[in-house]
All heavy atoms as atom14 arrays in JSON, in Angstrom:
{
  "sequence": "WLSVITNFLSDNIGWVALIVFMVLFRDALSD",
  "atom14_mask": [
    [1, 1, 1, 1, 1, 1, 1, 1, 1, 1, 1, 1, 1, 1],
    [1, 1, 1, 1, 1, 1, 1, 1, 0, 0, 0, 0, 0, 0],
    [1, 1, 1, 1, 1, 1, 0, 0, 0, 0, 0, 0, 0, 0],
    [1, 1, 1, 1, 1, 1, 1, 0, 0, 0, 0, 0, 0, 0],
    [1, 1, 1, 1, 1, 1, 1, 1, 0, 0, 0, 0, 0, 0],
    [1, 1, 1, 1, 1, 1, 1, 0, 0, 0, 0, 0, 0, 0],
    [1, 1, 1, 1, 1, 1, 1, 1, 0, 0, 0, 0, 0, 0],
    [1, 1, 1, 1, 1, 1, 1, 1, 1, 1, 1, 0, 0, 0],
    [1, 1, 1, 1, 1, 1, 1, 1, 0, 0, 0, 0, 0, 0],
    [1, 1, 1, 1, 1, 1, 0, 0, 0, 0, 0, 0, 0, 0],
    [1, 1, 1, 1, 1, 1, 1, 1, 0, 0, 0, 0, 0, 0],
    [1, 1, 1, 1, 1, 1, 1, 1, 0, 0, 0, 0, 0, 0],
    [1, 1, 1, 1, 1, 1, 1, 1, 0, 0, 0, 0, 0, 0],
    [1, 1, 1, 1, 0, 0, 0, 0, 0, 0, 0, 0, 0, 0],
    [1, 1, 1, 1, 1, 1, 1, 1, 1, 1, 1, 1, 1, 1],
    [1, 1, 1, 1, 1, 1, 1, 0, 0, 0, 0, 0, 0, 0],
    [1, 1, 1, 1, 1, 0, 0, 0, 0, 0, 0, 0, 0, 0],
    [1, 1, 1, 1, 1, 1, 1, 1, 0, 0, 0, 0, 0, 0],
    [1, 1, 1, 1, 1, 1, 1, 1, 0, 0, 0, 0, 0, 0],
    [1, 1, 1, 1, 1, 1, 1, 0, 0, 0, 0, 0, 0, 0],
    [1, 1, 1, 1, 1, 1, 1, 1, 1, 1, 1, 0, 0, 0],
    [1, 1, 1, 1, 1, 1, 1, 1, 0, 0, 0, 0, 0, 0],
    [1, 1, 1, 1, 1, 1, 1, 0, 0, 0, 0, 0, 0, 0],
    [1, 1, 1, 1, 1, 1, 1, 1, 0, 0, 0, 0, 0, 0],
    [1, 1, 1, 1, 1, 1, 1, 1, 1, 1, 1, 0, 0, 0],
    [1, 1, 1, 1, 1, 1, 1, 1, 1, 1, 1, 0, 0, 0],
    [1, 1, 1, 1, 1, 1, 1, 1, 0, 0, 0, 0, 0, 0],
    [1, 1, 1, 1, 1, 0, 0, 0, 0, 0, 0, 0, 0, 0],
    [1, 1, 1, 1, 1, 1, 1, 1, 0, 0, 0, 0, 0, 0],
    [1, 1, 1, 1, 1, 1, 0, 0, 0, 0, 0, 0, 0, 0],
    [1, 1, 1, 1, 1, 1, 1, 1, 0, 0, 0, 0, 0, 0]
  ],
  "atom14_positions": [
    [[0.81, -1.21, 0.0], [0.0, 0.0, 0.0], [0.84, 1.25, 0.0], [0.67, 2.16, -0.8], [-0.9, -0.05, 1.23], [-1.79, 1.14, 1.36], [-1.59, 2.25, 2.1], [-3.03, 1.32, 0.69], [-2.64, 3.11, 1.95], [-3.54, 2.57, 1.09], [-3.77, 0.55, -0.21], [-4.74, 3.05, 0.63], [-4.97, 1.03, -0.66], [-5.44, 2.28, -0.24]],
    [[1.81, 1.33, 0.93], [2.58, 2.55, 1.07], [3.39, 2.86, -0.17], [3.51, 4.01, -0.59], [3.5, 2.44, 2.3], [4.37, 3.7, 2.58], [3.48, 4.91, 2.8], [5.25, 3.44, 3.79], [0.0, 0.0, 0.0], [0.0, 0.0, 0.0], [0.0, 0.0, 0.0], [0.0, 0.0, 0.0], [0.0, 0.0, 0.0], [0.0, 0.0, 0.0]],
    [[3.92, 1.8, -0.8], [4.76, 2.03, -1.97], [3.98, 2.59, -3.13], [4.42, 3.48, -3.83], [5.44, 0.72, -2.38], [6.23, 0.93, -3.51], [0.0, 0.0, 0.0], [0.0, 0.0, 0.0], [0.0, 0.0, 0.0], [0.0, 0.0, 0.0], [0.0, 0.0, 0.0], [0.0, 0.0, 0.0], [0.0, 0.0, 0.0], [0.0, 0.0, 0.0]],
    [[2.76, 2.04, -3.36], [1.96, 2.54, -4.48], [1.58, 4.0, -4.24], [1.64, 4.83, -5.13], [0.7, 1.67, -4.65], [-0.2, 2.25, -5.73], [1.11, 0.25, -5.0], [0.0, 0.0, 0.0], [0.0, 0.0, 0.0], [0.0, 0.0, 0.0], [0.0, 0.0, 0.0], [0.0, 0.0, 0.0], [0.0, 0.0, 0.0], [0.0, 0.0, 0.0]],
    [[1.19, 4.32, -2.99], [0.83, 5.7, -2.68], [2.02, 6.63, -2.88], [1.92, 7.71, -3.45], [0.34, 5.8, -1.22], [-0.93, 4.96, -1.03], [0.05, 7.26, -0.85], [-2.08, 5.41, -1.87], [0.0, 0.0, 0.0], [0.0, 0.0, 0.0], [0.0, 0.0, 0.0], [0.0, 0.0, 0.0], [0.0, 0.0, 0.0], [0.0, 0.0, 0.0]],
    [[3.18, 6.16, -2.4], [4.39, 7.0, -2.5], [4.75, 7.26, -3.95], [5.13, 8.36, -4.34], [5.57, 6.33, -1.79], [5.2, 6.06, -0.44], [6.78, 7.23, -1.8], [0.0, 0.0, 0.0], [0.0, 0.0, 0.0], [0.0, 0.0, 0.0], [0.0, 0.0, 0.0], [0.0, 0.0, 0.0], [0.0, 0.0, 0.0], [0.0, 0.0, 0.0]],
    [[4.63, 6.22, -4.8], [4.91, 6.4, -6.22], [3.92, 7.36, -6.85], [4.27, 8.16, -7.72], [4.86, 5.04, -6.93], [6.09, 4.23, -6.64], [7.16, 4.77, -6.39], [5.95, 2.92, -6.67], [0.0, 0.0, 0.0], [0.0, 0.0, 0.0], [0.0, 0.0, 0.0], [0.0, 0.0, 0.0], [0.0, 0.0, 0.0], [0.0, 0.0, 0.0]],
    [[2.67, 7.26, -6.42], [1.64, 8.13, -6.97], [1.92, 9.59, -6.63], [1.74, 10.49, -7.43], [0.28, 7.69, -6.4], [-0.87, 8.58, -6.84], [-1.3, 8.58, -8.15], [-1.49, 9.39, -5.92], [-2.34, 9.37, -8.54], [-2.53, 10.19, -6.31], [-2.97, 10.19, -7.62], [0.0, 0.0, 0.0], [0.0, 0.0, 0.0], [0.0, 0.0, 0.0]],
    [[2.37, 9.82, -5.41], [2.66, 11.19, -4.97], [4.15, 11.46, -5.08], [4.89, 11.44, -4.11], [2.2, 11.38, -3.52], [0.7, 11.17, -3.27], [0.4, 11.22, -1.8], [-0.08, 12.23, -4.0], [0.0, 0.0, 0.0], [0.0, 0.0, 0.0], [0.0, 0.0, 0.0], [0.0, 0.0, 0.0], [0.0, 0.0, 0.0], [0.0, 0.0, 0.0]],
    [[4.6, 11.66, -6.31], [6.02, 11.92, -6.53], [6.29, 13.41, -6.61], [5.48, 14.22, -6.19], [6.48, 11.2, -7.81], [5.69, 11.62, -8.88], [0.0, 0.0, 0.0], [0.0, 0.0, 0.0], [0.0, 0.0, 0.0], [0.0, 0.0, 0.0], [0.0, 0.0, 0.0], [0.0, 0.0, 0.0], [0.0, 0.0, 0.0], [0.0, 0.0, 0.0]],
    [[7.45, 13.75, -7.18], [7.85, 15.14, -7.36], [8.01, 15.87, -6.03], [7.45, 16.93, -5.8], [6.83, 15.87, -8.24], [7.39, 17.2, -8.75], [8.62, 17.36, -8.78], [6.56, 18.06, -9.11], [0.0, 0.0, 0.0], [0.0, 0.0, 0.0], [0.0, 0.0, 0.0], [0.0, 0.0, 0.0], [0.0, 0.0, 0.0], [0.0, 0.0, 0.0]],
    [[8.8, 15.28, -5.15], [9.17, 15.9, -3.87], [7.99, 16.2, -2.96], [7.97, 17.19, -2.22], [9.95, 17.21, -4.11], [11.21, 16.99, -4.89], [11.96, 16.06, -4.6], [11.46, 17.83, -5.88], [0.0, 0.0, 0.0], [0.0, 0.0, 0.0], [0.0, 0.0, 0.0], [0.0, 0.0, 0.0], [0.0, 0.0, 0.0], [0.0, 0.0, 0.0]],
    [[7.01, 15.34, -2.95], [5.85, 15.59, -2.1], [6.2, 15.39, -0.64], [6.98, 14.53, -0.3], [4.69, 14.66, -2.5], [3.42, 15.07, -1.79], [5.02, 13.22, -2.21], [2.18, 14.47, -2.38], [0.0, 0.0, 0.0], [0.0, 0.0, 0.0], [0.0, 0.0, 0.0], [0.0, 0.0, 0.0], [0.0, 0.0, 0.0], [0.0, 0.0, 0.0]],
    [[5.63, 16.19, 0.22], [5.91, 16.1, 1.66], [5.0, 15.11, 2.36], [3.96, 14.7, 1.83], [0.0, 0.0, 0.0], [0.0, 0.0, 0.0], [0.0, 0.0, 0.0], [0.0, 0.0, 0.0], [0.0, 0.0, 0.0], [0.0, 0.0, 0.0], [0.0, 0.0, 0.0], [0.0, 0.0, 0.0], [0.0, 0.0, 0.0], [0.0, 0.0, 0.0]],
    [[5.41, 14.75, 3.56], [4.63, 13.75, 4.31], [3.24, 14.28, 4.67], [2.28, 13.5, 4.74], [5.39, 13.38, 5.59], [6.53, 12.48, 5.31], [7.86, 12.78, 5.34], [6.46, 11.1, 4.93], [8.61, 11.7, 4.99], [7.78, 10.63, 4.74], [5.41, 10.21, 4.71], [8.09, 9.35, 4.38], [5.72, 8.91, 4.34], [7.04, 8.49, 4.17]],
    [[3.13, 15.57, 4.88], [1.81, 16.12, 5.23], [0.83, 15.88, 4.11], [-0.3, 15.44, 4.31], [1.91, 17.62, 5.55], [0.52, 18.2, 5.78], [2.76, 17.83, 6.8], [0.0, 0.0, 0.0], [0.0, 0.0, 0.0], [0.0, 0.0, 0.0], [0.0, 0.0, 0.0], [0.0, 0.0, 0.0], [0.0, 0.0, 0.0], [0.0, 0.0, 0.0]],
    [[1.29, 16.16, 2.87], [0.41, 15.96, 1.72], [0.08, 14.49, 1.55], [-1.02, 14.13, 1.15], [1.07, 16.5, 0.46], [0.0, 0.0, 0.0], [0.0, 0.0, 0.0], [0.0, 0.0, 0.0], [0.0, 0.0, 0.0], [0.0, 0.0, 0.0], [0.0, 0.0, 0.0], [0.0, 0.0, 0.0], [0.0, 0.0, 0.0], [0.0, 0.0, 0.0]],
    [[1.04, 13.63, 1.82], [0.81, 12.19, 1.71], [-0.29, 11.75, 2.66], [-1.2, 11.0, 2.29], [2.1, 11.43, 2.02], [2.0, 9.9, 2.05], [1.51, 9.38, 0.72], [3.34, 9.3, 2.4], [0.0, 0.0, 0.0], [0.0, 0.0, 0.0], [0.0, 0.0, 0.0], [0.0, 0.0, 0.0], [0.0, 0.0, 0.0], [0.0, 0.0, 0.0]],
    [[-0.23, 12.24, 3.9], [-1.24, 11.87, 4.89], [-2.61, 12.4, 4.48], [-3.63, 11.7, 4.57], [-0.83, 12.4, 6.28], [0.45, 11.68, 6.75], [-1.95, 12.19, 7.29], [1.04, 12.27, 8.01], [0.0, 0.0, 0.0], [0.0, 0.0, 0.0], [0.0, 0.0, 0.0], [0.0, 0.0, 0.0], [0.0, 0.0, 0.0], [0.0, 0.0, 0.0]],
    [[-2.63, 13.65, 4.01], [-3.89, 14.24, 3.57], [-4.49, 13.42, 2.44], [-5.69, 13.12, 2.42], [-3.67, 15.7, 3.1], [-4.91, 16.23, 2.39], [-3.32, 16.57, 4.3], [0.0, 0.0, 0.0], [0.0, 0.0, 0.0], [0.0, 0.0, 0.0], [0.0, 0.0, 0.0], [0.0, 0.0, 0.0], [0.0, 0.0, 0.0], [0.0, 0.0, 0.0]],
    [[-3.63, 13.03, 1.5], [-4.09, 12.24, 0.36], [-4.67, 10.9, 0.81], [-5.74, 10.49, 0.38], [-2.93, 12.01, -0.6], [-3.32, 11.24, -1.83], [-3.88, 11.89, -2.92], [-3.14, 9.87, -1.89], [-4.25, 11.18, -4.04], [-3.51, 9.17, -3.02], [-4.06, 9.83, -4.08], [0.0, 0.0, 0.0], [0.0, 0.0, 0.0], [0.0, 0.0, 0.0]],
    [[-3.97, 10.23, 1.7], [-4.41, 8.89, 2.14], [-5.73, 8.97, 2.9], [-6.6, 8.11, 2.76], [-3.33, 8.25, 3.02], [-2.05, 7.9, 2.29], [-0.77, 7.25, 3.38], [-1.54, 5.7, 3.87], [0.0, 0.0, 0.0], [0.0, 0.0, 0.0], [0.0, 0.0, 0.0], [0.0, 0.0, 0.0], [0.0, 0.0, 0.0], [0.0, 0.0, 0.0]],
    [[-5.88, 10.03, 3.71], [-7.09, 10.14, 4.52], [-8.28, 10.59, 3.7], [-9.36, 10.0, 3.74], [-6.85, 11.1, 5.7], [-8.16, 11.36, 6.44], [-5.81, 10.52, 6.65], [0.0, 0.0, 0.0], [0.0, 0.0, 0.0], [0.0, 0.0, 0.0], [0.0, 0.0, 0.0], [0.0, 0.0, 0.0], [0.0, 0.0, 0.0], [0.0, 0.0, 0.0]],
    [[-8.08, 11.64, 2.91], [-9.2, 12.25, 2.22], [-9.61, 11.53, 0.95], [-10.74, 11.63, 0.51], [-8.86, 13.71, 1.88], [-8.62, 14.63, 3.1], [-8.28, 16.03, 2.62], [-9.85, 14.66, 3.99], [0.0, 0.0, 0.0], [0.0, 0.0, 0.0], [0.0, 0.0, 0.0], [0.0, 0.0, 0.0], [0.0, 0.0, 0.0], [0.0, 0.0, 0.0]],
    [[-8.67, 10.78, 0.37], [-8.92, 10.2, -0.94], [-8.94, 8.69, -0.9], [-8.91, 8.03, -1.91], [-7.83, 10.7, -1.91], [-8.23, 10.64, -3.35], [-9.46, 11.1, -3.77], [-7.35, 10.13, -4.29], [-9.81, 11.04, -5.11], [-7.71, 10.07, -5.63], [-8.93, 10.53, -6.04], [0.0, 0.0, 0.0], [0.0, 0.0, 0.0], [0.0, 0.0, 0.0]],
    [[-9.03, 8.13, 0.29], [-8.87, 6.69, 0.41], [-10.02, 5.91, -0.21], [-9.83, 4.79, -0.68], [-8.72, 6.29, 1.88], [-9.93, 6.6, 2.76], [-9.64, 6.21, 4.22], [-10.77, 6.43, 5.08], [-11.05, 7.59, 5.65], [-10.26, 8.63, 5.44], [-12.1, 7.73, 6.43], [0.0, 0.0, 0.0], [0.0, 0.0, 0.0], [0.0, 0.0, 0.0]],
    [[-11.24, 6.47, -0.21], [-12.37, 5.73, -0.76], [-12.22, 5.47, -2.25], [-12.48, 4.37, -2.74], [-13.67, 6.5, -0.5], [-14.02, 6.54, 0.98], [-13.56, 5.63, 1.71], [-14.72, 7.47, 1.39], [0.0, 0.0, 0.0], [0.0, 0.0, 0.0], [0.0, 0.0, 0.0], [0.0, 0.0, 0.0], [0.0, 0.0, 0.0], [0.0, 0.0, 0.0]],
    [[-11.82, 6.51, -2.96], [-11.67, 6.34, -4.41], [-10.37, 5.66, -4.77], [-10.22, 5.13, -5.86], [-11.73, 7.71, -5.1], [0.0, 0.0, 0.0], [0.0, 0.0, 0.0], [0.0, 0.0, 0.0], [0.0, 0.0, 0.0], [0.0, 0.0, 0.0], [0.0, 0.0, 0.0], [0.0, 0.0, 0.0], [0.0, 0.0, 0.0], [0.0, 0.0, 0.0]],
    [[-9.44, 5.65, -3.83], [-8.1, 5.17, -4.14], [-8.05, 3.69, -4.46], [-7.33, 3.26, -5.34], [-7.15, 5.47, -2.97], [-5.68, 5.16, -3.21], [-5.19, 5.94, -4.42], [-4.88, 5.5, -1.97], [0.0, 0.0, 0.0], [0.0, 0.0, 0.0], [0.0, 0.0, 0.0], [0.0, 0.0, 0.0], [0.0, 0.0, 0.0], [0.0, 0.0, 0.0]],
    [[-8.86, 2.89, -3.76], [-8.79, 1.45, -3.99], [-9.16, 1.09, -5.42], [-8.51, 0.28, -6.07], [-9.7, 0.7, -3.01], [-11.04, 1.13, -3.18], [0.0, 0.0, 0.0], [0.0, 0.0, 0.0], [0.0, 0.0, 0.0], [0.0, 0.0, 0.0], [0.0, 0.0, 0.0], [0.0, 0.0, 0.0], [0.0, 0.0, 0.0], [0.0, 0.0, 0.0]],
    [[-10.22, 1.74, -5.94], [-10.59, 1.51, -7.34], [-9.55, 2.1, -8.27], [-9.21, 1.53, -9.31], [-11.96, 2.12, -7.64], [-13.08, 1.35, -6.98], [-12.87, 0.14, -6.72], [-14.14, 1.95, -6.74], [0.0, 0.0, 0.0], [0.0, 0.0, 0.0], [0.0, 0.0, 0.0], [0.0, 0.0, 0.0], [0.0, 0.0, 0.0], [0.0, 0.0, 0.0]]
  ]
}
């Protein structure tokens, strides 16, 4: 899970944005 998310959020993305993405976008993310 973490690797796919990390690859998706490239280009020097910060951990805060990663957490926001995982929390707010998790429903659509699985599909």
